[in-house]
Amino acid sequence: MKWINSFSNSHIPYYIYKLNKGDKILYNPNKIYNRSIIILHGVIYLFKIFQNKEIFPLAILKTNNIIDLEYSYETQYYYTIIALDQAYLMSFSLLNIKNKIYIKKQILFNIIYGQKLTLKQYELMNQILRHKYIKYRILQLILLLSLEFGIIHKNKIIIPFSLSQKNISIIIGSNKITINQIMNYLSKKTIIKYSTKKIIHIENIVNLQLLFCY
């Protein structure tokens, strides 16, 4: 609510969007955008799709992260957002803030801080994609999710939203067959449990980390 109250009190126009799990927003590459999006609640996945249909993962984002969208007609890609969990997004234009003669410094501070948090998520995704082998990308992804979203329950770490093999394949740039093989291997080693609801339970975080050594 802090974002909504701050923007309302400063008379800055904004729009609120609700996304249910699996909902997608695609930004048309044939339009000019100058918008920013604040994640008020939930978890979303952001990626670029180029004209040749190549997908480039950008980040898994959460509450208070900020996405800056800038387009021109020369842009060779477009952004797509997928909600991994129910999410609420606030859309606004930075131009409306720049044009304000008076604005509370706290709003600017919160925006800069949100952008800083988002850059960190971009860097974490780059760390995942640097790995040559898909096995290590999956391991790094699971560790990232456990760190950012994990809930500890009875000596286990639970990722509190469903993540299908299709979504995992998009995030790390692989195919469902390879993802299925690696997830089954991790399950047989009792390192993770992948429920029928596509929830990841990390059974042994130490052994998960040790796999990076092999």
N, C-alpha and C. Protein backbone atom coordinates (compact mmCIF):
# COMPACT_ATOMS: atom_id res chain seq x y z
N MET A 1 0.81 -1.22 0.00
CA MET A 1 0.00 0.00 0.00
C MET A 1 0.85 1.28 0.00
N LYS A 2 2.14 1.16 0.42
CA LYS A 2 2.96 2.37 0.51
C LYS A 2 3.09 3.04 -0.86
N TRP A 3 3.23 2.25 -1.92
CA TRP A 3 3.37 2.81 -3.25
C TRP A 3 2.09 3.53 -3.66
N ILE A 4 0.96 2.89 -3.45
CA ILE A 4 -0.33 3.47 -3.84
C ILE A 4 -0.57 4.77 -3.08
N ASN A 5 -0.33 4.75 -1.78
CA ASN A 5 -0.53 5.96 -0.97
C ASN A 5 0.40 7.09 -1.40
N SER A 6 1.67 6.75 -1.65
CA SER A 6 2.64 7.77 -2.04
C SER A 6 2.27 8.41 -3.37
N PHE A 7 1.89 7.60 -4.35
CA PHE A 7 1.55 8.12 -5.67
C PHE A 7 0.25 8.92 -5.61
N SER A 8 -0.72 8.42 -4.85
CA SER A 8 -2.00 9.14 -4.73
C SER A 8 -1.82 10.48 -4.06
N ASN A 9 -1.05 10.52 -2.99
CA ASN A 9 -0.82 11.77 -2.26
C ASN A 9 -0.06 12.79 -3.09
N SER A 10 0.77 12.31 -4.02
CA SER A 10 1.55 13.21 -4.87
C SER A 10 0.87 13.47 -6.22
N HIS A 11 -0.34 12.93 -6.38
CA HIS A 11 -1.14 13.13 -7.61
C HIS A 11 -0.38 12.66 -8.87
N ILE A 12 0.27 11.53 -8.74
CA ILE A 12 0.97 10.92 -9.88
C ILE A 12 0.07 9.84 -10.47
N PRO A 13 -0.27 9.91 -11.77
CA PRO A 13 -1.15 8.91 -12.37
C PRO A 13 -0.52 7.51 -12.37
N TYR A 14 -1.34 6.50 -12.17
CA TYR A 14 -0.86 5.12 -12.19
C TYR A 14 -2.02 4.18 -12.52
N TYR A 15 -1.66 2.97 -12.90
CA TYR A 15 -2.65 1.93 -13.18
C TYR A 15 -2.25 0.68 -12.40
N ILE A 16 -3.26 -0.06 -11.92
CA ILE A 16 -3.01 -1.30 -11.19
C ILE A 16 -3.50 -2.48 -12.04
N TYR A 17 -2.68 -3.51 -12.14
CA TYR A 17 -3.05 -4.71 -12.88
C TYR A 17 -2.95 -5.93 -11.95
N LYS A 18 -3.93 -6.79 -12.05
CA LYS A 18 -3.89 -8.05 -11.30
C LYS A 18 -3.61 -9.19 -12.27
N LEU A 19 -2.61 -10.01 -11.94
CA LEU A 19 -2.28 -11.19 -12.74
C LEU A 19 -2.47 -12.44 -11.88
N ASN A 20 -3.25 -13.37 -12.37
CA ASN A 20 -3.32 -14.67 -11.72
C ASN A 20 -2.16 -15.53 -12.17
N LYS A 21 -1.88 -16.58 -11.44
CA LYS A 21 -0.76 -17.46 -11.78
C LYS A 21 -0.88 -17.93 -13.23
N GLY A 22 0.19 -17.74 -13.98
CA GLY A 22 0.20 -18.17 -15.38
C GLY A 22 -0.23 -17.10 -16.36
N ASP A 23 -0.81 -15.99 -15.87
CA ASP A 23 -1.20 -14.89 -16.76
C ASP A 23 0.04 -14.26 -17.38
N LYS A 24 -0.15 -13.71 -18.58
CA LYS A 24 0.98 -13.17 -19.32
C LYS A 24 0.65 -11.77 -19.83
N ILE A 25 1.64 -10.88 -19.79
CA ILE A 25 1.53 -9.56 -20.42
C ILE A 25 2.59 -9.48 -21.50
N LEU A 26 2.17 -9.15 -22.70
CA LEU A 26 3.09 -9.01 -23.82
C LEU A 26 3.03 -7.58 -24.30
N TYR A 27 4.20 -6.92 -24.38
CA TYR A 27 4.25 -5.53 -24.79
C TYR A 27 4.56 -5.44 -26.28
N ASN A 28 3.63 -4.88 -27.02
CA ASN A 28 3.70 -4.81 -28.48
C ASN A 28 4.95 -4.05 -28.92
N PRO A 29 5.80 -4.69 -29.76
CA PRO A 29 7.04 -4.03 -30.21
C PRO A 29 6.79 -2.91 -31.21
N ASN A 30 5.55 -2.79 -31.71
CA ASN A 30 5.24 -1.77 -32.70
C ASN A 30 4.72 -0.47 -32.08
N LYS A 31 4.79 -0.39 -30.76
CA LYS A 31 4.36 0.82 -30.07
C LYS A 31 5.53 1.42 -29.30
N ILE A 32 5.42 2.71 -29.01
CA ILE A 32 6.45 3.39 -28.22
C ILE A 32 6.01 3.40 -26.76
N TYR A 33 6.87 2.90 -25.89
CA TYR A 33 6.56 2.87 -24.47
C TYR A 33 7.58 3.71 -23.71
N ASN A 34 7.11 4.29 -22.66
CA ASN A 34 8.01 4.92 -21.69
C ASN A 34 7.35 4.72 -20.33
N ARG A 35 7.31 3.47 -19.92
CA ARG A 35 6.59 3.10 -18.71
C ARG A 35 7.52 2.37 -17.74
N SER A 36 7.16 2.45 -16.49
CA SER A 36 7.82 1.67 -15.45
C SER A 36 6.77 0.87 -14.72
N ILE A 37 7.16 -0.28 -14.20
CA ILE A 37 6.23 -1.16 -13.51
C ILE A 37 6.81 -1.54 -12.16
N ILE A 38 6.02 -1.31 -11.12
CA ILE A 38 6.39 -1.72 -9.77
C ILE A 38 5.62 -3.00 -9.42
N ILE A 39 6.32 -4.00 -8.90
CA ILE A 39 5.64 -5.21 -8.45
C ILE A 39 5.18 -4.95 -7.01
N LEU A 40 3.88 -4.77 -6.86
CA LEU A 40 3.31 -4.50 -5.54
C LEU A 40 3.26 -5.77 -4.69
N HIS A 41 3.02 -6.89 -5.37
CA HIS A 41 2.90 -8.17 -4.65
C HIS A 41 3.06 -9.30 -5.65
N GLY A 42 3.69 -10.40 -5.20
CA GLY A 42 3.77 -11.58 -6.05
C GLY A 42 5.14 -11.80 -6.68
N VAL A 43 5.18 -12.77 -7.59
CA VAL A 43 6.42 -13.16 -8.27
C VAL A 43 6.15 -13.23 -9.77
N ILE A 44 7.00 -12.57 -10.53
CA ILE A 44 6.84 -12.62 -11.99
C ILE A 44 8.18 -12.97 -12.64
N TYR A 45 8.07 -13.42 -13.89
CA TYR A 45 9.25 -13.76 -14.67
C TYR A 45 9.28 -12.84 -15.88
N LEU A 46 10.40 -12.17 -16.11
CA LEU A 46 10.55 -11.20 -17.20
C LEU A 46 11.55 -11.71 -18.22
N PHE A 47 11.19 -11.64 -19.49
CA PHE A 47 12.14 -12.02 -20.54
C PHE A 47 11.86 -11.23 -21.82
N LYS A 48 12.86 -11.24 -22.71
CA LYS A 48 12.74 -10.61 -24.01
C LYS A 48 12.49 -11.68 -25.07
N ILE A 49 11.69 -11.35 -26.05
CA ILE A 49 11.52 -12.21 -27.22
C ILE A 49 11.92 -11.41 -28.46
N PHE A 50 12.90 -11.91 -29.19
CA PHE A 50 13.38 -11.23 -30.38
C PHE A 50 12.54 -11.61 -31.60
N GLN A 51 12.71 -10.89 -32.68
CA GLN A 51 11.90 -11.12 -33.87
C GLN A 51 12.09 -12.51 -34.45
N ASN A 52 13.26 -13.12 -34.21
CA ASN A 52 13.49 -14.48 -34.70
C ASN A 52 12.97 -15.55 -33.71
N LYS A 53 12.17 -15.10 -32.72
CA LYS A 53 11.54 -15.97 -31.70
C LYS A 53 12.52 -16.45 -30.63
N GLU A 54 13.76 -15.96 -30.67
CA GLU A 54 14.70 -16.32 -29.61
C GLU A 54 14.28 -15.66 -28.30
N ILE A 55 14.36 -16.45 -27.22
CA ILE A 55 13.96 -15.97 -25.91
C ILE A 55 15.20 -15.70 -25.07
N PHE A 56 15.23 -14.51 -24.45
CA PHE A 56 16.34 -14.16 -23.58
C PHE A 56 15.83 -13.88 -22.18
N PRO A 57 16.14 -14.75 -21.20
CA PRO A 57 15.67 -14.53 -19.82
C PRO A 57 16.33 -13.31 -19.20
N LEU A 58 15.56 -12.54 -18.44
CA LEU A 58 16.09 -11.35 -17.78
C LEU A 58 16.14 -11.51 -16.26
N ALA A 59 15.03 -11.89 -15.64
CA ALA A 59 15.04 -11.97 -14.18
C ALA A 59 13.74 -12.57 -13.66
N ILE A 60 13.83 -13.13 -12.46
CA ILE A 60 12.66 -13.47 -11.66
C ILE A 60 12.53 -12.36 -10.62
N LEU A 61 11.39 -11.68 -10.64
CA LEU A 61 11.23 -10.48 -9.83
C LEU A 61 10.13 -10.64 -8.79
N LYS A 62 10.23 -9.86 -7.72
CA LYS A 62 9.28 -9.98 -6.61
C LYS A 62 8.89 -8.58 -6.13
N THR A 63 8.20 -8.55 -4.99
CA THR A 63 7.67 -7.31 -4.43
C THR A 63 8.75 -6.23 -4.32
N ASN A 64 8.38 -5.02 -4.78
CA ASN A 64 9.21 -3.80 -4.75
C ASN A 64 10.26 -3.74 -5.85
N ASN A 65 10.39 -4.78 -6.68
CA ASN A 65 11.24 -4.66 -7.86
C ASN A 65 10.55 -3.75 -8.88
N ILE A 66 11.36 -3.08 -9.71
CA ILE A 66 10.83 -2.13 -10.69
C ILE A 66 11.38 -2.47 -12.07
N ILE A 67 10.48 -2.52 -13.06
CA ILE A 67 10.85 -2.78 -14.45
C ILE A 67 10.71 -1.48 -15.22
N ASP A 68 11.73 -1.12 -15.98
CA ASP A 68 11.67 0.05 -16.85
C ASP A 68 11.54 -0.41 -18.29
N LEU A 69 10.47 0.03 -18.96
CA LEU A 69 10.22 -0.36 -20.35
C LEU A 69 10.42 0.85 -21.25
N GLU A 70 11.32 0.74 -22.19
CA GLU A 70 11.53 1.81 -23.16
C GLU A 70 11.59 1.21 -24.55
N TYR A 71 10.75 1.73 -25.44
CA TYR A 71 10.69 1.21 -26.80
C TYR A 71 10.79 2.35 -27.81
N SER A 72 11.30 2.00 -28.96
CA SER A 72 11.15 2.85 -30.13
C SER A 72 10.79 1.91 -31.28
N TYR A 73 10.46 2.47 -32.43
CA TYR A 73 10.07 1.63 -33.56
C TYR A 73 11.22 0.78 -34.08
N GLU A 74 12.46 1.14 -33.69
CA GLU A 74 13.62 0.38 -34.16
C GLU A 74 13.91 -0.84 -33.27
N THR A 75 13.21 -0.98 -32.18
CA THR A 75 13.48 -2.07 -31.25
C THR A 75 13.26 -3.42 -31.92
N GLN A 76 14.21 -4.35 -31.72
CA GLN A 76 14.16 -5.66 -32.35
C GLN A 76 13.62 -6.75 -31.41
N TYR A 77 13.06 -6.36 -30.29
CA TYR A 77 12.55 -7.33 -29.33
C TYR A 77 11.36 -6.73 -28.59
N TYR A 78 10.66 -7.57 -27.83
CA TYR A 78 9.60 -7.06 -26.96
C TYR A 78 9.66 -7.80 -25.63
N TYR A 79 9.13 -7.16 -24.60
CA TYR A 79 9.14 -7.74 -23.26
C TYR A 79 7.89 -8.58 -23.04
N THR A 80 8.05 -9.64 -22.27
CA THR A 80 6.91 -10.45 -21.84
C THR A 80 7.05 -10.73 -20.35
N ILE A 81 5.93 -10.63 -19.66
CA ILE A 81 5.86 -10.91 -18.23
C ILE A 81 4.95 -12.10 -18.01
N ILE A 82 5.40 -13.06 -17.20
CA ILE A 82 4.56 -14.19 -16.80
C ILE A 82 4.48 -14.20 -15.28
N ALA A 83 3.27 -14.33 -14.75
CA ALA A 83 3.09 -14.40 -13.30
C ALA A 83 3.33 -15.83 -12.82
N LEU A 84 4.34 -16.02 -11.98
CA LEU A 84 4.60 -17.33 -11.39
C LEU A 84 3.70 -17.58 -10.18
N ASP A 85 3.16 -16.51 -9.66
CA ASP A 85 2.21 -16.56 -8.56
C ASP A 85 1.26 -15.38 -8.76
N GLN A 86 0.17 -15.32 -8.02
CA GLN A 86 -0.72 -14.16 -8.16
C GLN A 86 0.07 -12.89 -7.88
N ALA A 87 -0.10 -11.90 -8.77
CA ALA A 87 0.70 -10.69 -8.66
C ALA A 87 -0.14 -9.45 -8.92
N TYR A 88 0.26 -8.36 -8.29
CA TYR A 88 -0.34 -7.05 -8.53
C TYR A 88 0.77 -6.11 -8.99
N LEU A 89 0.55 -5.45 -10.13
CA LEU A 89 1.55 -4.56 -10.71
C LEU A 89 1.02 -3.14 -10.79
N MET A 90 1.89 -2.18 -10.58
CA MET A 90 1.56 -0.76 -10.75
C MET A 90 2.35 -0.20 -11.92
N SER A 91 1.65 0.38 -12.88
CA SER A 91 2.29 0.96 -14.05
C SER A 91 2.23 2.49 -13.96
N PHE A 92 3.36 3.14 -14.26
CA PHE A 92 3.41 4.60 -14.23
C PHE A 92 4.48 5.08 -15.20
N SER A 93 4.50 6.37 -15.44
CA SER A 93 5.50 6.98 -16.31
C SER A 93 6.44 7.85 -15.50
N LEU A 94 7.74 7.67 -15.69
CA LEU A 94 8.72 8.51 -15.00
C LEU A 94 8.60 9.97 -15.44
N LEU A 95 8.06 10.21 -16.63
CA LEU A 95 7.88 11.58 -17.11
C LEU A 95 6.93 12.35 -16.20
N ASN A 96 5.93 11.64 -15.67
CA ASN A 96 4.98 12.30 -14.77
C ASN A 96 5.64 12.71 -13.46
N ILE A 97 6.71 12.02 -13.11
CA ILE A 97 7.45 12.38 -11.89
C ILE A 97 8.44 13.50 -12.18
N LYS A 98 9.11 13.41 -13.33
CA LYS A 98 10.07 14.46 -13.70
C LYS A 98 9.40 15.81 -13.87
N ASN A 99 8.15 15.79 -14.32
CA ASN A 99 7.44 17.05 -14.60
C ASN A 99 6.84 17.68 -13.35
N LYS A 100 6.92 16.98 -12.23
CA LYS A 100 6.40 17.52 -10.99
C LYS A 100 7.39 18.53 -10.40
N ILE A 101 6.91 19.73 -10.11
CA ILE A 101 7.77 20.74 -9.49
C ILE A 101 8.12 20.32 -8.07
N TYR A 102 7.13 19.80 -7.38
CA TYR A 102 7.36 19.36 -6.00
C TYR A 102 6.96 17.90 -5.88
N ILE A 103 7.84 17.11 -5.34
CA ILE A 103 7.52 15.71 -5.09
C ILE A 103 8.31 15.25 -3.87
N LYS A 104 7.70 14.41 -3.10
CA LYS A 104 8.37 13.94 -1.89
C LYS A 104 9.63 13.15 -2.24
N LYS A 105 10.70 13.46 -1.53
CA LYS A 105 11.97 12.78 -1.79
C LYS A 105 11.85 11.28 -1.52
N GLN A 106 10.95 10.88 -0.62
CA GLN A 106 10.81 9.47 -0.28
C GLN A 106 10.39 8.65 -1.49
N ILE A 107 9.55 9.21 -2.37
CA ILE A 107 9.14 8.49 -3.57
C ILE A 107 10.35 8.22 -4.47
N LEU A 108 11.16 9.25 -4.68
CA LEU A 108 12.35 9.09 -5.51
C LEU A 108 13.31 8.08 -4.89
N PHE A 109 13.46 8.15 -3.58
CA PHE A 109 14.34 7.20 -2.89
C PHE A 109 13.83 5.78 -3.07
N ASN A 110 12.51 5.57 -2.93
CA ASN A 110 11.94 4.23 -3.07
C ASN A 110 12.09 3.69 -4.49
N ILE A 111 11.96 4.59 -5.49
CA ILE A 111 12.11 4.17 -6.88
C ILE A 111 13.56 3.77 -7.16
N ILE A 112 14.49 4.58 -6.71
CA ILE A 112 15.92 4.26 -6.91
C ILE A 112 16.28 2.96 -6.20
N TYR A 113 15.77 2.79 -5.00
CA TYR A 113 16.06 1.57 -4.24
C TYR A 113 15.45 0.35 -4.94
N GLY A 114 14.22 0.49 -5.46
CA GLY A 114 13.58 -0.61 -6.18
C GLY A 114 14.35 -0.98 -7.43
N GLN A 115 14.87 0.02 -8.14
CA GLN A 115 15.68 -0.25 -9.33
C GLN A 115 16.98 -0.95 -8.97
N LYS A 116 17.55 -0.58 -7.83
CA LYS A 116 18.78 -1.23 -7.36
C LYS A 116 18.52 -2.71 -7.05
N LEU A 117 17.40 -3.01 -6.41
CA LEU A 117 17.04 -4.39 -6.12
C LEU A 117 16.84 -5.18 -7.41
N THR A 118 16.26 -4.53 -8.41
CA THR A 118 16.01 -5.21 -9.69
C THR A 118 17.32 -5.53 -10.41
N LEU A 119 18.27 -4.61 -10.38
CA LEU A 119 19.57 -4.87 -10.99
C LEU A 119 20.24 -6.10 -10.38
N LYS A 120 20.05 -6.28 -9.08
CA LYS A 120 20.59 -7.45 -8.40
C LYS A 120 19.98 -8.73 -8.97
N GLN A 121 18.66 -8.69 -9.25
CA GLN A 121 18.00 -9.87 -9.81
C GLN A 121 18.48 -10.17 -11.22
N TYR A 122 18.75 -9.11 -12.00
CA TYR A 122 19.33 -9.30 -13.33
C TYR A 122 20.70 -9.98 -13.23
N GLU A 123 21.49 -9.54 -12.28
CA GLU A 123 22.83 -10.12 -12.09
C GLU A 123 22.74 -11.59 -11.68
N LEU A 124 21.78 -11.93 -10.83
CA LEU A 124 21.61 -13.32 -10.40
C LEU A 124 21.22 -14.21 -11.58
N MET A 125 20.36 -13.68 -12.46
CA MET A 125 19.98 -14.46 -13.64
C MET A 125 21.18 -14.64 -14.57
N ASN A 126 22.00 -13.62 -14.69
CA ASN A 126 23.21 -13.75 -15.52
C ASN A 126 24.15 -14.82 -14.97
N GLN A 127 24.22 -14.93 -13.64
CA GLN A 127 25.05 -15.96 -13.03
C GLN A 127 24.55 -17.36 -13.41
N ILE A 128 23.24 -17.51 -13.47
CA ILE A 128 22.66 -18.80 -13.87
C ILE A 128 23.01 -19.11 -15.32
N LEU A 129 22.84 -18.14 -16.20
CA LEU A 129 23.02 -18.37 -17.63
C LEU A 129 24.49 -18.50 -18.03
N ARG A 130 25.40 -18.09 -17.15
CA ARG A 130 26.83 -18.23 -17.46
C ARG A 130 27.26 -19.69 -17.49
N HIS A 131 26.55 -20.54 -16.78
CA HIS A 131 26.92 -21.95 -16.75
C HIS A 131 26.70 -22.58 -18.13
N LYS A 132 27.68 -23.31 -18.59
CA LYS A 132 27.58 -23.96 -19.90
C LYS A 132 26.60 -25.13 -19.86
N TYR A 133 26.61 -25.89 -18.76
CA TYR A 133 25.80 -27.10 -18.69
C TYR A 133 24.47 -26.83 -17.99
N ILE A 134 23.40 -27.42 -18.55
CA ILE A 134 22.05 -27.21 -18.03
C ILE A 134 21.93 -27.68 -16.59
N LYS A 135 22.62 -28.75 -16.25
CA LYS A 135 22.58 -29.26 -14.87
C LYS A 135 22.92 -28.16 -13.87
N TYR A 136 23.99 -27.42 -14.14
CA TYR A 136 24.42 -26.38 -13.21
C TYR A 136 23.49 -25.17 -13.23
N ARG A 137 22.85 -24.93 -14.36
CA ARG A 137 21.87 -23.84 -14.41
C ARG A 137 20.67 -24.17 -13.51
N ILE A 138 20.23 -25.42 -13.56
CA ILE A 138 19.10 -25.83 -12.71
C ILE A 138 19.48 -25.75 -11.24
N LEU A 139 20.66 -26.25 -10.90
CA LEU A 139 21.11 -26.20 -9.51
C LEU A 139 21.18 -24.76 -9.01
N GLN A 140 21.74 -23.87 -9.82
CA GLN A 140 21.85 -22.47 -9.42
C GLN A 140 20.47 -21.83 -9.30
N LEU A 141 19.57 -22.20 -10.20
CA LEU A 141 18.21 -21.66 -10.14
C LEU A 141 17.51 -22.07 -8.85
N ILE A 142 17.62 -23.34 -8.50
CA ILE A 142 16.98 -23.84 -7.27
C ILE A 142 17.57 -23.15 -6.05
N LEU A 143 18.89 -22.97 -6.03
CA LEU A 143 19.53 -22.28 -4.91
C LEU A 143 19.08 -20.82 -4.83
N LEU A 144 18.95 -20.18 -5.99
CA LEU A 144 18.48 -18.80 -6.02
C LEU A 144 17.06 -18.70 -5.47
N LEU A 145 16.19 -19.60 -5.92
CA LEU A 145 14.80 -19.58 -5.46
C LEU A 145 14.71 -19.85 -3.96
N SER A 146 15.55 -20.76 -3.47
CA SER A 146 15.53 -21.06 -2.04
C SER A 146 15.98 -19.86 -1.22
N LEU A 147 16.95 -19.10 -1.75
CA LEU A 147 17.46 -17.93 -1.06
C LEU A 147 16.46 -16.79 -1.08
N GLU A 148 15.83 -16.57 -2.23
CA GLU A 148 14.94 -15.42 -2.39
C GLU A 148 13.53 -15.66 -1.86
N PHE A 149 13.05 -16.91 -1.98
CA PHE A 149 11.64 -17.17 -1.66
C PHE A 149 11.42 -18.32 -0.69
N GLY A 150 12.47 -19.08 -0.40
CA GLY A 150 12.32 -20.33 0.35
C GLY A 150 11.72 -20.15 1.74
N ILE A 151 10.89 -21.13 2.13
CA ILE A 151 10.30 -21.20 3.47
C ILE A 151 10.82 -22.46 4.14
N ILE A 152 11.41 -22.31 5.31
CA ILE A 152 11.95 -23.46 6.03
C ILE A 152 10.82 -24.14 6.80
N HIS A 153 10.70 -25.45 6.59
CA HIS A 153 9.65 -26.22 7.27
C HIS A 153 10.17 -27.63 7.55
N LYS A 154 10.33 -27.96 8.82
CA LYS A 154 10.78 -29.30 9.22
C LYS A 154 12.08 -29.69 8.51
N ASN A 155 13.07 -28.83 8.62
CA ASN A 155 14.41 -29.07 8.05
C ASN A 155 14.42 -29.15 6.53
N LYS A 156 13.35 -28.70 5.90
CA LYS A 156 13.29 -28.65 4.44
C LYS A 156 13.06 -27.22 4.01
N ILE A 157 13.40 -26.92 2.76
CA ILE A 157 13.14 -25.60 2.21
C ILE A 157 12.10 -25.76 1.10
N ILE A 158 11.01 -25.04 1.20
CA ILE A 158 9.93 -25.14 0.23
C ILE A 158 9.87 -23.86 -0.60
N ILE A 159 9.86 -24.00 -1.92
CA ILE A 159 9.62 -22.86 -2.81
C ILE A 159 8.12 -22.69 -2.89
N PRO A 160 7.57 -21.58 -2.39
CA PRO A 160 6.12 -21.48 -2.14
C PRO A 160 5.24 -21.16 -3.35
N PHE A 161 5.69 -21.48 -4.54
CA PHE A 161 4.84 -21.33 -5.72
C PHE A 161 5.21 -22.41 -6.72
N SER A 162 4.26 -22.76 -7.55
CA SER A 162 4.51 -23.85 -8.51
C SER A 162 5.38 -23.35 -9.66
N LEU A 163 6.23 -24.23 -10.13
CA LEU A 163 7.15 -23.92 -11.23
C LEU A 163 7.18 -25.12 -12.15
N SER A 164 6.46 -25.04 -13.25
CA SER A 164 6.38 -26.15 -14.18
C SER A 164 7.69 -26.36 -14.91
N GLN A 165 7.86 -27.55 -15.47
CA GLN A 165 9.06 -27.83 -16.25
C GLN A 165 9.14 -26.93 -17.48
N LYS A 166 7.98 -26.56 -18.01
CA LYS A 166 7.96 -25.63 -19.15
C LYS A 166 8.53 -24.28 -18.75
N ASN A 167 8.11 -23.78 -17.57
CA ASN A 167 8.64 -22.50 -17.10
C ASN A 167 10.14 -22.58 -16.81
N ILE A 168 10.56 -23.69 -16.21
CA ILE A 168 11.99 -23.87 -15.92
C ILE A 168 12.79 -23.88 -17.22
N SER A 169 12.26 -24.55 -18.23
CA SER A 169 12.97 -24.63 -19.51
C SER A 169 13.12 -23.25 -20.16
N ILE A 170 12.09 -22.40 -20.02
CA ILE A 170 12.17 -21.04 -20.56
C ILE A 170 13.19 -20.21 -19.79
N ILE A 171 13.16 -20.36 -18.45
CA ILE A 171 14.03 -19.55 -17.60
C ILE A 171 15.51 -19.83 -17.87
N ILE A 172 15.85 -21.10 -18.03
CA ILE A 172 17.28 -21.43 -18.15
C ILE A 172 17.70 -21.74 -19.59
N GLY A 173 16.76 -21.69 -20.52
CA GLY A 173 17.11 -21.87 -21.92
C GLY A 173 17.41 -23.30 -22.30
N SER A 174 16.48 -24.20 -22.02
CA SER A 174 16.67 -25.61 -22.36
C SER A 174 15.35 -26.17 -22.89
N ASN A 175 15.21 -27.50 -22.86
CA ASN A 175 13.96 -28.13 -23.29
C ASN A 175 13.40 -29.00 -22.17
N LYS A 176 12.13 -29.35 -22.27
CA LYS A 176 11.44 -30.06 -21.19
C LYS A 176 12.03 -31.44 -20.96
N ILE A 177 12.53 -32.09 -22.00
CA ILE A 177 13.08 -33.44 -21.85
C ILE A 177 14.32 -33.41 -20.94
N THR A 178 15.22 -32.47 -21.21
CA THR A 178 16.42 -32.34 -20.39
C THR A 178 16.06 -31.95 -18.96
N ILE A 179 15.12 -31.02 -18.81
CA ILE A 179 14.68 -30.60 -17.48
C ILE A 179 14.12 -31.79 -16.70
N ASN A 180 13.29 -32.58 -17.36
CA ASN A 180 12.67 -33.75 -16.73
C ASN A 180 13.73 -34.74 -16.26
N GLN A 181 14.74 -34.99 -17.08
CA GLN A 181 15.81 -35.93 -16.71
C GLN A 181 16.57 -35.46 -15.47
N ILE A 182 16.90 -34.19 -15.44
CA ILE A 182 17.68 -33.67 -14.31
C ILE A 182 16.84 -33.62 -13.04
N MET A 183 15.58 -33.21 -13.16
CA MET A 183 14.71 -33.15 -11.99
C MET A 183 14.47 -34.55 -11.42
N ASN A 184 14.32 -35.54 -12.30
CA ASN A 184 14.16 -36.93 -11.85
C ASN A 184 15.42 -37.43 -11.14
N TYR A 185 16.57 -37.05 -11.67
CA TYR A 185 17.84 -37.43 -11.04
C TYR A 185 17.94 -36.85 -9.63
N LEU A 186 17.61 -35.58 -9.48
CA LEU A 186 17.66 -34.92 -8.18
C LEU A 186 16.66 -35.54 -7.21
N SER A 187 15.51 -35.97 -7.74
CA SER A 187 14.50 -36.61 -6.89
C SER A 187 14.96 -37.99 -6.42
N LYS A 188 15.58 -38.77 -7.33
CA LYS A 188 16.07 -40.10 -6.96
C LYS A 188 17.18 -40.03 -5.92
N LYS A 189 17.95 -38.96 -5.96
CA LYS A 189 19.02 -38.76 -4.99
C LYS A 189 18.49 -38.16 -3.69
N THR A 190 17.17 -38.00 -3.61
CA THR A 190 16.48 -37.39 -2.45
C THR A 190 17.06 -36.03 -2.09
N ILE A 191 17.49 -35.31 -3.11
CA ILE A 191 17.98 -33.94 -2.91
C ILE A 191 16.81 -32.97 -2.95
N ILE A 192 15.89 -33.24 -3.87
CA ILE A 192 14.66 -32.44 -3.92
C ILE A 192 13.46 -33.37 -4.04
N LYS A 193 12.31 -32.82 -3.77
CA LYS A 193 11.05 -33.49 -4.06
C LYS A 193 10.24 -32.54 -4.92
N TYR A 194 9.80 -33.03 -6.07
CA TYR A 194 9.05 -32.21 -7.02
C TYR A 194 7.62 -32.72 -7.03
N SER A 195 6.73 -32.04 -6.34
CA SER A 195 5.37 -32.54 -6.12
C SER A 195 4.54 -32.48 -7.40
N THR A 196 3.38 -33.15 -7.37
CA THR A 196 2.47 -33.14 -8.52
C THR A 196 1.93 -31.74 -8.79
N LYS A 197 1.98 -30.88 -7.78
CA LYS A 197 1.54 -29.49 -7.96
C LYS A 197 2.69 -28.59 -8.43
N LYS A 198 3.81 -29.21 -8.79
CA LYS A 198 4.99 -28.50 -9.32
C LYS A 198 5.63 -27.59 -8.27
N ILE A 199 5.54 -28.00 -7.00
CA ILE A 199 6.19 -27.29 -5.92
C ILE A 199 7.51 -28.00 -5.62
N ILE A 200 8.60 -27.23 -5.52
CA ILE A 200 9.92 -27.80 -5.25
C ILE A 200 10.18 -27.79 -3.74
N HIS A 201 10.45 -28.99 -3.19
CA HIS A 201 10.87 -29.14 -1.81
C HIS A 201 12.34 -29.52 -1.82
N ILE A 202 13.19 -28.73 -1.19
CA ILE A 202 14.61 -29.06 -1.12
C ILE A 202 14.84 -29.90 0.12
N GLU A 203 15.13 -31.19 -0.09
CA GLU A 203 15.28 -32.13 1.00
C GLU A 203 16.67 -32.06 1.64
N ASN A 204 17.68 -31.77 0.81
CA ASN A 204 19.06 -31.77 1.32
C ASN A 204 19.84 -30.65 0.63
N ILE A 205 19.86 -29.48 1.27
CA ILE A 205 20.50 -28.31 0.67
C ILE A 205 22.02 -28.49 0.57
N VAL A 206 22.61 -29.23 1.52
CA VAL A 206 24.06 -29.45 1.50
C VAL A 206 24.46 -30.26 0.27
N ASN A 207 23.76 -31.37 0.02
CA ASN A 207 24.07 -32.19 -1.15
C ASN A 207 23.79 -31.45 -2.45
N LEU A 208 22.79 -30.57 -2.42
CA LEU A 208 22.51 -29.76 -3.61
C LEU A 208 23.70 -28.87 -3.93
N GLN A 209 24.28 -28.26 -2.91
CA GLN A 209 25.45 -27.41 -3.10
C GLN A 209 26.67 -28.21 -3.52
N LEU A 210 26.81 -29.43 -2.97
CA LEU A 210 27.96 -30.26 -3.30
C LEU A 210 27.97 -30.71 -4.75
N LEU A 211 26.80 -30.77 -5.38
CA LEU A 211 26.75 -31.18 -6.78
C LEU A 211 27.49 -30.23 -7.70
N PHE A 212 27.71 -28.99 -7.25
CA PHE A 212 28.49 -28.04 -8.06
C PHE A 212 29.94 -28.49 -8.18
N CYS A 213 30.37 -29.40 -7.29
CA CYS A 213 31.76 -29.83 -7.29
C CYS A 213 32.00 -30.99 -8.27
N TYR A 214 30.91 -31.53 -8.85
CA TYR A 214 31.07 -32.70 -9.70
C TYR A 214 30.78 -32.38 -11.13
